[in-house]
Amino acid sequence: ASKKASNKRQRGNQKSCSNVFSMFEQSQIQEFKEAFGCIDQDRDGVIKKQDLKETYAQLKLNIKDEELEEMLNEGKGPINFTVFLTLFGEKLNTDPEDTILAAFKPFDPNGTGFVNKDFKRLLMNQADKFTAEEVEQAFTLAPIDPIGNIDYKQLCYIITHGDEKEES
C-alpha cells in the first residue's frame, strides 16, 4: 500500500509540474532553460544568492543583498527550474507594460527611464546573443536621446500601444 501511495504522490507532483510546462511553448521552455543555466552559476540545479550575485557582477551591476533576498523569497523555497518557470509564468500573466518595464529595471538602477547606450552591446554579448542587425531592428522605434541612451519607458509604451507616428 505504501508503494501505491508513493506512486500516487509522484504522479501528483508530475501533474503540477506539467501544468507549469503547458503554459509555454517548447521553444520558450528551452529559452528559460538557457537563462536558468546562465544564472545557476555553480550548476547545481538551484538558484541561490551567490548565483544571483555572480550573475549581476557579470552584467557589471551592483545589487544589494536585500534585493537578492527579495528575489529568492518570491520562490517560497529553493528555486529549481520548475519554480523558476512558475515564477515567470506568474509574471507573464501580469500587465505586459509592467512586465517590460520590470525587465529594464535592473539596467536602470537610478530609475531614470533610460538605459545606457551600452545596453545594445550587452544584448549582443550576453545569454541569447543578438546580432547587430537584430539589435538595430529591435530599436528602430526606440526613442534615443542625443547621447545615445534609450528611453525604455517610451519604447515600452510603443511596444504595448503602438507607435503614434505609424498610425497617422
Protein backbone atom coordinates (compact mmCIF):
# COMPACT_ATOMS: atom_id res chain seq x y z
CA ALA A 1 0.00 0.00 0.00
CA SER A 2 2.87 2.38 0.76
CA LYS A 3 4.31 1.76 -2.71
CA LYS A 4 0.95 2.71 -4.22
CA ALA A 5 0.82 5.92 -2.14
CA SER A 6 4.37 6.75 -3.20
CA ASN A 7 3.48 6.32 -6.89
CA LYS A 8 0.38 8.47 -6.40
CA ARG A 9 2.47 11.25 -4.80
CA GLN A 10 4.95 11.14 -7.68
CA ARG A 11 2.15 11.39 -10.24
CA GLY A 12 0.66 14.30 -8.30
CA ASN A 13 3.98 16.13 -8.41
CA GLN A 14 4.33 15.44 -12.11
CA LYS A 15 0.84 16.76 -12.75
CA SER A 16 1.55 20.09 -11.05
CA CYS A 17 4.81 20.38 -12.99
CA SER A 18 3.14 19.58 -16.29
CA ASN A 19 0.68 22.45 -15.74
CA VAL A 20 3.60 24.86 -15.50
CA PHE A 21 5.18 23.43 -18.63
CA SER A 22 1.89 23.63 -20.54
CA MET A 23 1.87 27.42 -20.07
CA PHE A 24 4.75 27.78 -22.54
CA GLU A 25 5.72 26.57 -25.98
CA GLN A 26 8.66 24.16 -26.19
CA SER A 27 10.91 26.87 -27.69
CA GLN A 28 10.10 29.19 -24.76
CA ILE A 29 10.90 26.45 -22.25
CA GLN A 30 14.24 25.94 -23.98
CA GLU A 31 14.98 29.67 -23.69
CA PHE A 32 14.08 29.59 -20.00
CA LYS A 33 16.40 26.59 -19.56
CA GLU A 34 19.23 28.56 -21.14
CA ALA A 35 18.50 31.57 -18.91
CA PHE A 36 18.33 29.33 -15.85
CA GLY A 37 21.68 27.84 -16.83
CA CYS A 38 23.22 31.30 -17.14
CA ILE A 39 22.00 32.27 -13.66
CA ASP A 40 22.78 28.93 -11.95
CA GLN A 41 26.49 29.75 -11.81
CA ASP A 42 27.54 26.66 -9.82
CA ARG A 43 25.39 24.35 -11.99
CA ASP A 44 23.78 22.58 -9.01
CA GLY A 45 20.21 22.96 -10.33
CA VAL A 46 19.18 25.55 -7.74
CA ILE A 47 19.48 29.33 -7.92
CA LYS A 48 20.94 30.72 -4.70
CA LYS A 49 22.01 34.17 -3.54
CA GLN A 50 25.62 33.61 -4.67
CA ASP A 51 24.40 32.61 -8.16
CA LEU A 52 22.42 35.86 -8.44
CA LYS A 53 25.34 37.90 -7.08
CA GLU A 54 27.71 36.46 -9.67
CA THR A 55 25.17 36.97 -12.48
CA TYR A 56 24.73 40.64 -11.58
CA ALA A 57 28.52 41.04 -11.26
CA GLN A 58 28.96 39.66 -14.80
CA LEU A 59 26.49 42.27 -16.00
CA LYS A 60 28.54 44.88 -14.13
CA LEU A 61 25.52 45.77 -11.99
CA ASN A 62 25.53 46.34 -8.26
CA ILE A 63 22.67 44.93 -6.23
CA LYS A 64 22.00 44.95 -2.51
CA ASP A 65 21.74 41.72 -0.54
CA GLU A 66 18.22 42.73 0.49
CA GLU A 67 17.16 42.87 -3.16
CA LEU A 68 18.65 39.42 -3.77
CA GLU A 69 16.79 38.08 -0.75
CA GLU A 70 13.53 39.57 -2.06
CA MET A 71 14.07 37.84 -5.40
CA LEU A 72 14.78 34.50 -3.75
CA ASN A 73 11.79 34.83 -1.42
CA GLU A 74 9.46 35.02 -4.43
CA GLY A 75 10.18 31.31 -4.93
CA LYS A 76 8.97 30.43 -1.41
CA GLY A 77 11.73 27.82 -1.17
CA PRO A 78 14.61 26.56 -3.32
CA ILE A 79 14.44 27.89 -6.88
CA ASN A 80 14.90 24.93 -9.17
CA PHE A 81 13.94 25.05 -12.85
CA THR A 82 10.26 24.26 -12.23
CA VAL A 83 9.96 27.03 -9.63
CA PHE A 84 11.86 29.39 -11.97
CA LEU A 85 9.40 28.60 -14.76
CA THR A 86 6.43 29.04 -12.40
CA LEU A 87 7.69 32.48 -11.33
CA PHE A 88 7.99 33.56 -14.95
CA GLY A 89 4.53 32.15 -15.69
CA GLU A 90 3.10 34.27 -12.88
CA LYS A 91 4.99 37.35 -14.07
CA LEU A 92 3.93 36.87 -17.68
CA ASN A 93 0.29 36.77 -16.66
CA THR A 94 0.56 40.36 -15.48
CA ASP A 95 0.22 43.57 -17.46
CA PRO A 96 2.61 43.40 -20.45
CA GLU A 97 3.70 47.01 -19.95
CA ASP A 98 4.61 46.35 -16.31
CA THR A 99 6.46 43.20 -17.34
CA ILE A 100 8.55 45.02 -19.96
CA LEU A 101 9.33 47.89 -17.58
CA ALA A 102 10.37 45.39 -14.90
CA ALA A 103 12.73 43.72 -17.40
CA PHE A 104 14.54 47.02 -17.95
CA LYS A 105 14.63 47.97 -14.25
CA PRO A 106 17.88 46.12 -13.37
CA PHE A 107 19.63 48.08 -16.13
CA ASP A 108 18.36 51.40 -14.75
CA PRO A 109 19.45 51.38 -11.10
CA ASN A 110 18.72 55.10 -10.67
CA GLY A 111 15.21 54.86 -12.14
CA THR A 112 15.80 57.48 -14.84
CA GLY A 113 13.70 55.76 -17.51
CA PHE A 114 16.76 55.43 -19.73
CA VAL A 115 19.26 52.64 -20.29
CA ASN A 116 22.79 53.37 -21.30
CA LYS A 117 23.67 53.03 -24.97
CA ASP A 118 25.93 50.12 -23.91
CA PHE A 119 22.71 48.12 -23.40
CA LYS A 120 22.77 47.33 -27.13
CA ARG A 121 26.28 45.89 -26.75
CA LEU A 122 25.09 43.85 -23.77
CA LEU A 123 22.35 42.28 -25.92
CA MET A 124 24.98 41.15 -28.40
CA ASN A 125 27.31 39.68 -25.75
CA GLN A 126 25.11 38.01 -23.08
CA ALA A 127 22.81 34.94 -22.93
CA ASP A 128 20.91 34.63 -26.25
CA LYS A 129 23.22 36.87 -28.22
CA PHE A 130 21.53 39.21 -30.68
CA THR A 131 23.25 40.06 -33.95
CA ALA A 132 23.94 43.74 -34.66
CA GLU A 133 21.15 43.61 -37.24
CA GLU A 134 18.66 42.19 -34.71
CA VAL A 135 19.56 44.88 -32.18
CA GLU A 136 19.11 47.63 -34.76
CA GLN A 137 15.79 46.14 -35.82
CA ALA A 138 14.62 45.89 -32.20
CA PHE A 139 15.47 49.53 -31.54
CA THR A 140 14.30 51.17 -34.77
CA LEU A 141 11.29 52.60 -32.93
CA ALA A 142 13.19 53.28 -29.71
CA PRO A 143 13.41 56.91 -28.65
CA ILE A 144 17.12 57.66 -28.23
CA ASP A 145 18.45 60.84 -26.64
CA PRO A 146 21.29 62.92 -28.18
CA ILE A 147 24.00 60.96 -26.32
CA GLY A 148 22.55 57.61 -27.39
CA ASN A 149 20.66 56.50 -24.26
CA ILE A 150 17.45 54.56 -24.84
CA ASP A 151 14.17 55.85 -23.37
CA TYR A 152 12.85 52.42 -22.44
CA LYS A 153 9.66 53.75 -20.83
CA GLN A 154 8.63 55.31 -24.14
CA LEU A 155 9.81 52.21 -26.01
CA CYS A 156 7.64 50.09 -23.71
CA TYR A 157 4.65 52.32 -24.46
CA ILE A 158 5.28 51.98 -28.21
CA ILE A 159 5.55 48.18 -27.91
CA THR A 160 2.30 47.85 -25.94
CA HIS A 161 0.22 50.62 -27.54
CA GLY A 162 1.71 51.10 -30.99
CA ASP A 163 3.71 53.94 -32.48
CA GLU A 164 1.62 57.07 -32.93
CA LYS A 165 3.72 58.06 -35.96
CA GLU A 166 2.80 54.79 -37.70
CA GLU A 167 -0.92 55.35 -37.20
CA SER A 168 -1.09 58.93 -38.58
